[in-house]
N, C-alpha and C. Protein backbone atom coordinates (compact mmCIF):
# COMPACT_ATOMS: atom_id res chain seq x y z
N UNK A 1 22.33 13.94 17.12
CA UNK A 1 21.24 13.71 15.86
C UNK A 1 20.09 14.98 15.50
N UNK A 2 20.09 14.99 14.20
CA UNK A 2 20.15 15.70 12.91
C UNK A 2 18.49 15.08 13.03
N UNK A 3 17.58 16.44 12.44
CA UNK A 3 16.35 16.21 12.85
C UNK A 3 15.58 14.75 11.81
N UNK A 4 16.43 15.26 10.54
CA UNK A 4 16.19 13.93 9.21
C UNK A 4 16.33 12.78 10.32
N UNK A 5 17.41 12.33 11.02
CA UNK A 5 17.90 11.74 11.06
C UNK A 5 17.07 10.76 12.04
N UNK A 6 16.26 11.57 12.72
CA UNK A 6 15.00 10.83 13.63
C UNK A 6 14.29 10.40 12.88
N UNK A 7 14.22 11.33 12.17
CA UNK A 7 12.28 10.85 10.68
C UNK A 7 13.18 9.67 10.65
N UNK A 8 14.71 9.20 10.34
CA UNK A 8 14.50 8.64 9.00
C UNK A 8 14.53 6.96 10.06
N UNK A 9 14.75 7.22 11.28
CA UNK A 9 14.82 6.15 12.47
C UNK A 9 14.04 5.97 13.07
N UNK A 10 12.90 6.30 12.78
CA UNK A 10 11.63 6.36 13.16
C UNK A 10 10.63 5.63 12.08
N UNK A 11 10.82 6.64 11.21
CA UNK A 11 9.93 5.67 9.87
C UNK A 11 10.14 4.96 9.16
N UNK A 12 11.82 4.57 8.47
CA UNK A 12 12.46 4.20 7.73
C UNK A 12 11.74 2.57 8.07
N UNK A 13 11.60 2.18 8.72
CA UNK A 13 10.82 0.63 9.01
C UNK A 13 9.31 0.99 8.69
N UNK A 14 8.75 1.44 8.56
CA UNK A 14 7.15 1.51 8.65
C UNK A 14 7.20 1.60 6.56
N UNK A 15 8.29 2.55 6.06
CA UNK A 15 8.26 2.71 4.91
C UNK A 15 8.80 1.75 4.20
N UNK A 16 9.64 0.87 4.81
CA UNK A 16 10.29 -0.15 4.66
C UNK A 16 9.05 -1.90 3.99
N UNK A 17 8.37 -1.54 4.19
CA UNK A 17 7.33 -1.99 5.25
C UNK A 17 6.90 -2.91 4.37
N UNK A 18 5.59 -1.53 3.89
CA UNK A 18 4.88 -0.74 3.00
C UNK A 18 4.98 -0.88 1.72
N UNK A 19 6.17 -0.66 1.58
CA UNK A 19 6.95 -0.98 0.04
C UNK A 19 7.84 -2.72 0.13
N UNK A 20 7.92 -3.78 0.94
CA UNK A 20 7.92 -4.89 0.95
C UNK A 20 7.00 -5.81 0.12
N UNK A 21 5.86 -5.12 1.29
CA UNK A 21 4.26 -5.36 0.51
C UNK A 21 3.79 -5.19 -0.78
N UNK A 22 4.46 -4.41 -1.15
CA UNK A 22 3.79 -3.83 -2.34
C UNK A 22 4.82 -4.64 -3.45
N UNK A 23 5.65 -5.31 -3.00
CA UNK A 23 7.02 -5.35 -4.57
C UNK A 23 6.70 -7.13 -3.59
N UNK A 24 6.66 -7.70 -2.39
CA UNK A 24 7.07 -9.17 -2.21
C UNK A 24 8.34 -9.14 -3.20
N UNK A 25 8.78 -8.11 -2.44
CA UNK A 25 10.60 -8.58 -2.32
C UNK A 25 11.59 -7.42 -1.69
N UNK A 26 12.05 -8.67 -0.84
CA UNK A 26 12.92 -7.50 0.49
C UNK A 26 13.68 -6.72 -0.75
N UNK A 27 14.93 -7.17 -1.26
CA UNK A 27 15.91 -6.24 -1.51
C UNK A 27 15.19 -4.99 -2.38
N UNK A 28 14.46 -5.19 -3.01
CA UNK A 28 13.73 -4.22 -3.48
C UNK A 28 13.32 -3.25 -3.09
N UNK A 29 12.59 -3.53 -1.70
CA UNK A 29 11.58 -2.60 -0.88
C UNK A 29 12.59 -1.73 0.26
N UNK A 30 14.33 -1.79 0.16
CA UNK A 30 14.60 -1.68 0.83
C UNK A 30 15.59 -1.07 0.49
N UNK A 31 15.79 -1.09 -1.58
CA UNK A 31 16.54 -0.34 -2.38
C UNK A 31 15.65 1.20 -2.52
N UNK A 32 14.34 0.51 -2.61
CA UNK A 32 12.59 1.82 -2.62
C UNK A 32 12.36 2.45 -1.40
N UNK A 33 13.18 1.77 -0.30
CA UNK A 33 12.89 2.90 1.03
C UNK A 33 13.61 3.65 1.02
N UNK A 34 15.37 3.28 0.94
CA UNK A 34 16.11 4.39 0.42
C UNK A 34 15.69 5.69 0.34
N UNK A 35 16.09 4.98 -1.41
CA UNK A 35 15.41 6.30 -2.72
C UNK A 35 14.26 7.33 -2.45
N UNK A 36 13.57 6.68 -1.69
CA UNK A 36 12.51 7.28 -0.64
C UNK A 36 13.35 8.57 0.15
N UNK A 37 13.08 8.30 0.96
CA UNK A 37 13.69 8.86 2.51
C UNK A 37 15.48 10.38 1.43
N UNK A 38 16.17 9.36 1.02
CA UNK A 38 16.66 10.33 -0.12
C UNK A 38 16.46 11.73 -0.71
N UNK A 39 14.87 11.56 -1.72
CA UNK A 39 14.47 12.36 -1.91
C UNK A 39 13.19 13.01 -0.82
N UNK A 40 13.32 12.60 0.16
CA UNK A 40 12.18 12.88 1.43
C UNK A 40 13.73 13.65 1.62
N UNK A 41 14.29 13.64 1.86
CA UNK A 41 15.75 14.57 3.02
C UNK A 41 15.49 15.81 1.52
N UNK A 42 15.79 15.51 0.20
CA UNK A 42 16.16 17.07 -0.77
C UNK A 42 14.27 18.28 -0.30
N UNK A 43 13.59 17.41 -0.18
CA UNK A 43 12.50 18.13 0.10
C UNK A 43 11.33 18.36 0.93
N UNK A 44 12.53 18.06 2.29
CA UNK A 44 11.70 17.86 3.60
C UNK A 44 11.35 19.16 3.95
N UNK A 45 12.00 20.59 3.09
CA UNK A 45 11.67 22.09 3.77
C UNK A 45 10.08 22.05 2.82
N UNK A 46 9.97 21.24 1.73
CA UNK A 46 8.56 21.73 0.83
C UNK A 46 7.49 21.04 1.67
N UNK A 47 7.49 20.52 2.48
CA UNK A 47 6.63 19.61 3.52
C UNK A 47 6.19 20.30 4.80
N UNK A 48 4.80 20.50 3.96
CA UNK A 48 3.67 21.64 4.15
C UNK A 48 3.07 20.64 6.55
N UNK A 49 2.90 20.03 5.89
CA UNK A 49 2.36 19.06 7.27
C UNK A 49 1.02 19.48 7.63
N UNK A 50 0.20 19.28 6.30
CA UNK A 50 -0.93 18.72 6.68
C UNK A 50 -1.13 17.95 6.26
N UNK A 51 -0.37 16.39 6.11
CA UNK A 51 -0.95 15.11 6.39
C UNK A 51 0.47 14.42 7.51
N UNK A 52 0.41 13.56 8.08
CA UNK A 52 1.24 12.82 9.12
C UNK A 52 2.67 12.30 7.98
N UNK A 53 3.53 13.01 9.24
CA UNK A 53 4.57 12.53 7.94
C UNK A 53 5.15 11.00 7.32
N UNK A 54 4.46 10.45 8.00
CA UNK A 54 4.65 8.44 7.43
C UNK A 54 3.48 8.60 6.24
N UNK A 55 2.59 9.33 5.81
CA UNK A 55 1.58 9.05 5.55
C UNK A 55 2.64 10.36 3.77
N UNK A 56 3.55 10.85 3.89
CA UNK A 56 3.65 11.76 3.26
C UNK A 56 5.33 10.63 2.68
N UNK A 57 6.07 9.82 3.65
CA UNK A 57 6.90 9.40 3.67
C UNK A 57 6.80 8.56 2.21
N UNK A 58 5.26 7.59 2.54
CA UNK A 58 4.64 6.58 1.76
C UNK A 58 4.34 6.80 0.93
N UNK A 59 3.40 7.97 1.23
CA UNK A 59 3.87 8.88 -0.61
C UNK A 59 4.78 8.89 -1.44
N UNK A 60 5.19 9.27 -0.67
CA UNK A 60 6.99 9.25 -2.16
C UNK A 60 7.89 7.99 -2.61
N UNK A 61 7.85 6.52 -1.75
CA UNK A 61 8.15 5.35 -1.33
C UNK A 61 7.50 5.11 -3.01
N UNK A 62 5.99 4.64 -2.88
CA UNK A 62 5.00 4.70 -3.57
C UNK A 62 5.45 5.31 -5.26
N UNK A 63 5.22 5.89 -5.48
CA UNK A 63 5.58 7.45 -6.13
C UNK A 63 7.03 6.76 -6.85
N UNK A 64 8.65 6.26 -6.15
CA UNK A 64 9.10 5.63 -6.57
C UNK A 64 9.14 4.18 -6.67
N UNK A 65 8.81 3.79 -6.14
CA UNK A 65 8.52 2.11 -6.67
C UNK A 65 7.15 1.99 -8.03
N UNK A 66 6.36 3.17 -8.25
CA UNK A 66 5.65 2.82 -9.62
C UNK A 66 7.42 3.54 -10.36
N UNK A 67 8.30 4.78 -10.37
CA UNK A 67 8.56 4.55 -11.46
C UNK A 67 9.15 3.52 -11.26
N UNK A 68 9.66 2.58 -10.40
CA UNK A 68 11.28 1.74 -10.65
C UNK A 68 9.83 0.15 -11.21
N UNK A 69 8.86 0.58 -11.85
CA UNK A 69 7.79 0.01 -12.13
C UNK A 69 8.16 -0.16 -13.32
N UNK A 70 8.03 1.08 -14.14
CA UNK A 70 7.96 1.49 -15.05
C UNK A 70 9.06 1.95 -15.78
N UNK A 71 9.72 1.87 -15.07
CA UNK A 71 10.99 1.93 -16.02
C UNK A 71 11.56 0.61 -16.45
N UNK A 72 11.37 -0.17 -15.19
CA UNK A 72 11.12 -2.05 -15.49
C UNK A 72 10.56 -2.39 -16.07
N UNK A 73 9.28 -1.64 -17.18
CA UNK A 73 8.72 -2.82 -17.54
C UNK A 73 7.92 -2.87 -17.76
N UNK A 74 7.88 -3.26 -15.89
CA UNK A 74 6.33 -3.92 -15.63
C UNK A 74 4.83 -4.17 -15.39
N UNK A 75 4.43 -2.51 -15.13
CA UNK A 75 3.66 -1.64 -15.19
C UNK A 75 3.54 -0.61 -15.38
N UNK A 76 2.35 -0.08 -15.14
CA UNK A 76 2.43 1.13 -15.14
C UNK A 76 1.57 2.06 -13.95
N UNK A 77 1.09 0.57 -13.43
CA UNK A 77 -0.04 1.63 -12.06
C UNK A 77 0.10 -0.03 -11.27
N UNK A 78 -0.33 1.12 -9.67
CA UNK A 78 0.03 -0.20 -8.72
C UNK A 78 -1.57 -0.60 -8.17
N UNK A 79 -2.35 -0.66 -9.29
CA UNK A 79 -3.14 -2.15 -9.53
C UNK A 79 -2.93 -2.92 -10.00
N UNK A 80 -1.55 -3.11 -10.84
CA UNK A 80 -1.13 -4.00 -11.50
C UNK A 80 -0.32 -5.17 -10.49
N UNK A 81 0.13 -4.09 -9.43
CA UNK A 81 1.17 -5.20 -8.03
C UNK A 81 -0.28 -5.95 -7.52
N UNK A 82 0.63 -7.15 -6.77
CA UNK A 82 -0.26 -8.72 -6.56
C UNK A 82 -0.71 -8.06 -5.02
N UNK A 83 -2.10 -7.82 -4.46
CA UNK A 83 -2.55 -7.27 -3.38
C UNK A 83 -2.35 -8.98 -1.79
N UNK A 84 -1.77 -10.12 -2.69
CA UNK A 84 -2.29 -11.64 -2.35
C UNK A 84 -0.65 -12.04 -1.80
N UNK A 85 -0.21 -12.46 -0.51
CA UNK A 85 1.13 -13.47 -0.63
C UNK A 85 1.21 -13.61 -1.68
N UNK A 86 2.42 -14.30 -1.92
CA UNK A 86 3.09 -15.40 -3.44
C UNK A 86 2.31 -16.63 -3.00
N UNK A 87 1.75 -17.64 -4.46
CA UNK A 87 1.72 -18.38 -3.42
C UNK A 87 2.73 -19.56 -2.88
N UNK A 88 2.43 -20.69 -2.10
CA UNK A 88 2.96 -20.90 -1.48
C UNK A 88 3.60 -22.62 -2.88
N UNK A 89 4.97 -22.54 -2.97
CA UNK A 89 5.04 -24.12 -3.35
C UNK A 89 4.46 -24.97 -3.86
N UNK A 90 3.71 -25.64 -2.62
CA UNK A 90 2.55 -26.98 -2.47
C UNK A 90 1.10 -26.34 -2.95
N UNK A 91 1.00 -25.59 -3.80
CA UNK A 91 0.07 -24.99 -4.31
C UNK A 91 -0.32 -25.80 -5.82
N UNK A 92 -1.04 -26.14 -6.14
CA UNK A 92 -0.88 -26.97 -7.86
C UNK A 92 -1.12 -25.50 -8.78
N UNK A 93 -0.93 -25.58 -9.82
CA UNK A 93 -1.39 -24.65 -10.83
C UNK A 93 -2.45 -24.26 -11.16
N UNK A 94 -3.25 -24.94 -10.73
CA UNK A 94 -5.10 -24.38 -11.01
C UNK A 94 -4.41 -23.29 -10.11
N UNK A 95 -3.97 -23.87 -8.80
CA UNK A 95 -4.78 -23.37 -7.34
C UNK A 95 -4.31 -21.17 -7.34
N UNK A 96 -2.83 -21.65 -8.10
CA UNK A 96 -1.91 -20.56 -8.08
C UNK A 96 -2.90 -19.52 -9.14
N UNK A 97 -3.21 -20.23 -10.33
CA UNK A 97 -4.44 -19.41 -11.19
C UNK A 97 -4.90 -18.49 -11.02
N UNK A 98 -6.09 -19.49 -9.81
CA UNK A 98 -7.48 -19.19 -9.23
C UNK A 98 -7.21 -17.68 -8.33
N UNK A 99 -5.96 -17.63 -7.65
CA UNK A 99 -5.68 -17.23 -6.45
C UNK A 99 -4.68 -15.87 -7.69
N UNK A 100 -4.05 -15.87 -8.35
CA UNK A 100 -3.53 -14.98 -9.58
C UNK A 100 -4.76 -13.70 -10.06
N UNK A 101 -6.41 -14.89 -10.33
CA UNK A 101 -7.63 -14.71 -10.94
C UNK A 101 -8.06 -13.43 -9.62
N UNK A 102 -7.66 -13.88 -8.78
CA UNK A 102 -9.26 -13.48 -7.65
C UNK A 102 -7.97 -12.31 -7.21
N UNK A 103 -7.15 -12.27 -7.09
CA UNK A 103 -5.96 -10.54 -6.83
C UNK A 103 -6.46 -10.05 -8.21
N UNK A 104 -6.30 -10.20 -9.16
CA UNK A 104 -6.19 -9.50 -10.04
C UNK A 104 -8.02 -8.37 -9.96
N UNK A 105 -8.78 -9.44 -9.45
CA UNK A 105 -10.46 -8.81 -8.92
C UNK A 105 -10.63 -7.93 -8.04
N UNK A 106 -9.82 -8.10 -7.25
CA UNK A 106 -9.88 -6.84 -6.04
C UNK A 106 -8.74 -5.96 -6.47
N UNK A 107 -8.06 -6.21 -7.18
CA UNK A 107 -7.00 -5.12 -7.32
C UNK A 107 -7.79 -4.05 -8.46
N UNK A 108 -9.11 -4.20 -9.50
CA UNK A 108 -9.64 -3.78 -9.87
C UNK A 108 -10.25 -3.00 -9.51
N UNK A 109 -11.09 -3.70 -8.37
CA UNK A 109 -12.36 -3.76 -7.56
C UNK A 109 -11.81 -2.72 -6.44
N UNK A 110 -10.66 -2.86 -5.93
CA UNK A 110 -9.83 -1.38 -4.69
C UNK A 110 -9.81 -0.20 -6.16
N UNK A 111 -9.39 0.21 -6.90
CA UNK A 111 -9.46 1.05 -7.97
C UNK A 111 -10.03 1.64 -8.11
N UNK A 112 -11.69 1.13 -8.19
CA UNK A 112 -12.85 2.04 -8.22
C UNK A 112 -13.55 2.83 -7.04
N UNK A 113 -12.75 2.09 -5.64
CA UNK A 113 -13.13 2.55 -4.43
C UNK A 113 -13.06 3.83 -4.02
N UNK A 114 -13.91 4.71 -3.71
CA UNK A 114 -13.42 5.79 -3.11
C UNK A 114 -12.29 6.18 -2.41
N UNK A 115 -11.53 7.48 -2.97
CA UNK A 115 -10.00 7.19 -2.57
C UNK A 115 -9.61 7.16 -1.03
N UNK A 116 -10.44 8.12 0.14
CA UNK A 116 -10.77 7.65 1.37
C UNK A 116 -10.28 6.02 1.96
N UNK A 117 -11.75 5.63 1.52
CA UNK A 117 -11.38 3.55 1.25
C UNK A 117 -10.49 3.01 1.00
N UNK A 118 -9.89 3.52 -0.62
CA UNK A 118 -9.16 2.99 -0.88
C UNK A 118 -7.65 3.23 -0.28
N UNK A 119 -7.80 3.87 0.30
CA UNK A 119 -6.66 4.56 1.99
C UNK A 119 -5.91 3.52 2.11
N UNK A 120 -7.45 3.58 3.19
CA UNK A 120 -7.33 3.74 4.60
C UNK A 120 -6.83 1.62 4.50
N UNK A 121 -7.72 0.78 3.67
CA UNK A 121 -7.38 -0.23 2.72
C UNK A 121 -6.09 -1.25 2.19
N UNK A 122 -5.93 -0.24 1.69
CA UNK A 122 -4.03 0.05 1.31
C UNK A 122 -3.11 0.58 2.70
N UNK A 123 -3.16 1.03 3.86
CA UNK A 123 -2.12 1.06 4.79
C UNK A 123 -2.56 -0.15 5.83
N UNK A 124 -3.95 -0.70 5.66
CA UNK A 124 -4.44 -1.80 6.54
C UNK A 124 -3.32 -3.35 5.73
N UNK A 125 -3.77 -3.68 4.87
CA UNK A 125 -3.75 -4.36 3.21
C UNK A 125 -1.59 -4.38 4.02
N UNK A 126 -1.23 -3.86 3.04
CA UNK A 126 -0.16 -3.70 2.42
C UNK A 126 1.07 -2.76 2.99
N UNK A 127 0.46 -1.98 4.08
CA UNK A 127 1.56 -1.89 5.30
C UNK A 127 2.03 -2.16 6.96
N UNK A 128 0.01 -3.02 6.69
CA UNK A 128 -0.29 -3.54 8.07
C UNK A 128 -0.29 -2.55 9.37
N UNK A 129 -0.51 -1.94 8.83
CA UNK A 129 -0.54 -0.79 10.17
C UNK A 129 -1.71 -1.27 10.63
N UNK A 130 -1.45 -1.35 12.12
CA UNK A 130 -2.72 -1.29 13.07
C UNK A 130 -3.87 -0.08 13.03
N UNK A 131 -5.40 -0.34 13.63
CA UNK A 131 -6.05 0.61 13.04
C UNK A 131 -5.97 1.47 14.35
N UNK A 132 -5.44 2.17 15.00
CA UNK A 132 -5.11 2.76 16.01
C UNK A 132 -3.40 4.13 15.14
N UNK A 133 -2.62 3.33 14.81
CA UNK A 133 -2.16 3.82 13.96
C UNK A 133 -2.55 4.28 12.56
N UNK A 134 -3.01 4.00 11.55
CA UNK A 134 -4.17 4.55 10.72
C UNK A 134 -5.11 5.64 11.26
N UNK A 135 -5.80 5.81 12.61
CA UNK A 135 -5.98 6.49 12.97
C UNK A 135 -5.23 7.99 13.05
N UNK A 136 -4.49 7.51 13.25
CA UNK A 136 -3.28 9.17 13.57
C UNK A 136 -3.63 9.27 12.06
N UNK A 137 -2.81 8.75 11.37
CA UNK A 137 -2.33 8.80 9.58
C UNK A 137 -3.46 9.76 9.77
N UNK A 138 -5.02 9.90 9.73
CA UNK A 138 -5.95 9.98 9.09
C UNK A 138 -6.21 11.18 10.29
N UNK A 139 -6.09 11.46 11.04
CA UNK A 139 -6.31 12.37 12.63
C UNK A 139 -7.70 12.45 12.34
N UNK A 140 -7.68 11.16 12.71
CA UNK A 140 -9.08 10.35 13.18
C UNK A 140 -9.29 9.12 14.06
N UNK A 141 -10.58 8.70 15.02
CA UNK A 141 -10.44 7.58 15.88
C UNK A 141 -10.00 6.28 15.79
N UNK A 142 -9.34 5.61 16.40
CA UNK A 142 -9.32 4.41 15.84
C UNK A 142 -10.74 3.29 15.77
N UNK A 143 -11.23 4.29 15.74
CA UNK A 143 -12.99 3.89 15.63
C UNK A 143 -13.08 3.68 14.47
N UNK A 144 -13.06 5.00 13.46
CA UNK A 144 -13.40 5.19 12.24
C UNK A 144 -12.53 4.55 11.67
N UNK A 145 -10.92 4.01 11.80
CA UNK A 145 -9.97 3.65 11.32
C UNK A 145 -10.80 2.22 10.60
N UNK A 146 -11.12 1.32 11.22
CA UNK A 146 -11.74 -0.08 12.09
C UNK A 146 -13.07 0.38 10.75
N UNK A 147 -14.45 0.90 11.18
CA UNK A 147 -15.07 1.26 9.87
C UNK A 147 -15.26 1.41 8.80
N UNK A 148 -13.60 2.22 8.23
CA UNK A 148 -13.86 2.65 7.42
C UNK A 148 -12.92 1.67 6.22
N UNK A 149 -12.43 0.59 7.23
CA UNK A 149 -11.50 -0.55 6.92
C UNK A 149 -12.62 -2.09 6.22
N UNK A 150 -13.75 -1.89 7.62
CA UNK A 150 -14.48 -2.61 6.77
C UNK A 150 -15.70 -2.22 5.76
N UNK A 151 -16.13 -1.18 5.79
CA UNK A 151 -16.82 -0.49 4.53
C UNK A 151 -15.59 -0.64 3.30
N UNK A 152 -14.37 -0.91 3.02
CA UNK A 152 -14.15 -1.16 2.33
C UNK A 152 -14.44 -2.64 1.37
N UNK A 153 -13.44 -2.65 2.46
CA UNK A 153 -13.44 -4.30 2.34
C UNK A 153 -15.44 -5.00 2.01
N UNK A 154 -16.72 -5.03 2.56
CA UNK A 154 -17.69 -5.06 2.33
C UNK A 154 -18.00 -4.60 0.74
N UNK A 155 -17.06 -2.98 0.54
CA UNK A 155 -17.75 -2.43 -1.06
C UNK A 155 -17.49 -3.96 -1.57
N UNK A 156 -15.78 -3.66 -1.72
CA UNK A 156 -15.40 -4.77 -2.84
C UNK A 156 -16.01 -6.48 -2.74
N UNK A 157 -16.32 -6.79 -1.36
CA UNK A 157 -17.09 -7.92 -1.19
C UNK A 157 -18.28 -7.48 -2.47
N UNK A 158 -19.18 -6.16 -2.26
CA UNK A 158 -20.29 -6.59 -3.52
C UNK A 158 -20.50 -6.13 -4.65
N UNK A 159 -19.42 -5.29 -4.45
CA UNK A 159 -18.95 -5.28 -5.65
C UNK A 159 -18.21 -6.58 -6.07
N UNK A 160 -17.80 -7.21 -6.45
CA UNK A 160 -17.43 -9.08 -6.29
C UNK A 160 -18.16 -9.62 -6.90
N UNK A 161 -19.17 -9.44 -6.09
CA UNK A 161 -20.63 -10.57 -6.07
C UNK A 161 -21.38 -9.60 -7.53
N UNK A 162 -21.55 -9.03 -7.54
CA UNK A 162 -22.24 -7.93 -8.38
C UNK A 162 -21.71 -7.97 -10.27
N UNK A 163 -20.47 -8.80 -9.73
CA UNK A 163 -19.63 -8.66 -11.03
C UNK A 163 -20.06 -10.60 -11.32
N UNK A 164 -19.17 -10.99 -10.50
CA UNK A 164 -19.88 -12.95 -10.52
C UNK A 164 -21.40 -12.45 -11.50
N UNK A 165 -22.19 -11.88 -10.75
CA UNK A 165 -24.01 -12.08 -11.39
C UNK A 165 -23.70 -11.76 -12.54
N UNK A 166 -22.96 -11.04 -13.20
CA UNK A 166 -23.40 -11.17 -14.39
C UNK A 166 -22.83 -11.58 -15.17
N UNK A 167 -22.11 -12.22 -14.71
CA UNK A 167 -21.50 -13.17 -15.66
C UNK A 167 -22.15 -14.61 -15.64
């Protein structure tokens, strides 16, 4: 087994779950994850090791997904993708609109966060990584990951409340 095959077997599921969370579509996630690994295979010699390989692979996958969205004419930024799960069929049209509005507000607020908070929040919410896994990605402690995530949530909540008070 080659070194890249080991990388593929170790990280494919993480990349797949990350993109599935972004896209809410299993087929798109599989296609994008496969494309990302193909691109990674072609450029593995340029990987400098400045970050965890999982971060590098997910960044490639995120870029592939954004290209997919742009080419499909859906959007041109990750902030336009939904942060929340798809609404259940039991919800009324009004409840669905409220959830979509809330998700849109969170997306806008997330866009304005400092990069480290945004990344930790996205790893936790989109990729559903544990605090231990997030800590490994950043080379920090598990406590750091937990605190950073909760600070990001607090920033989002405070900005949301401030916007509501302005209206």
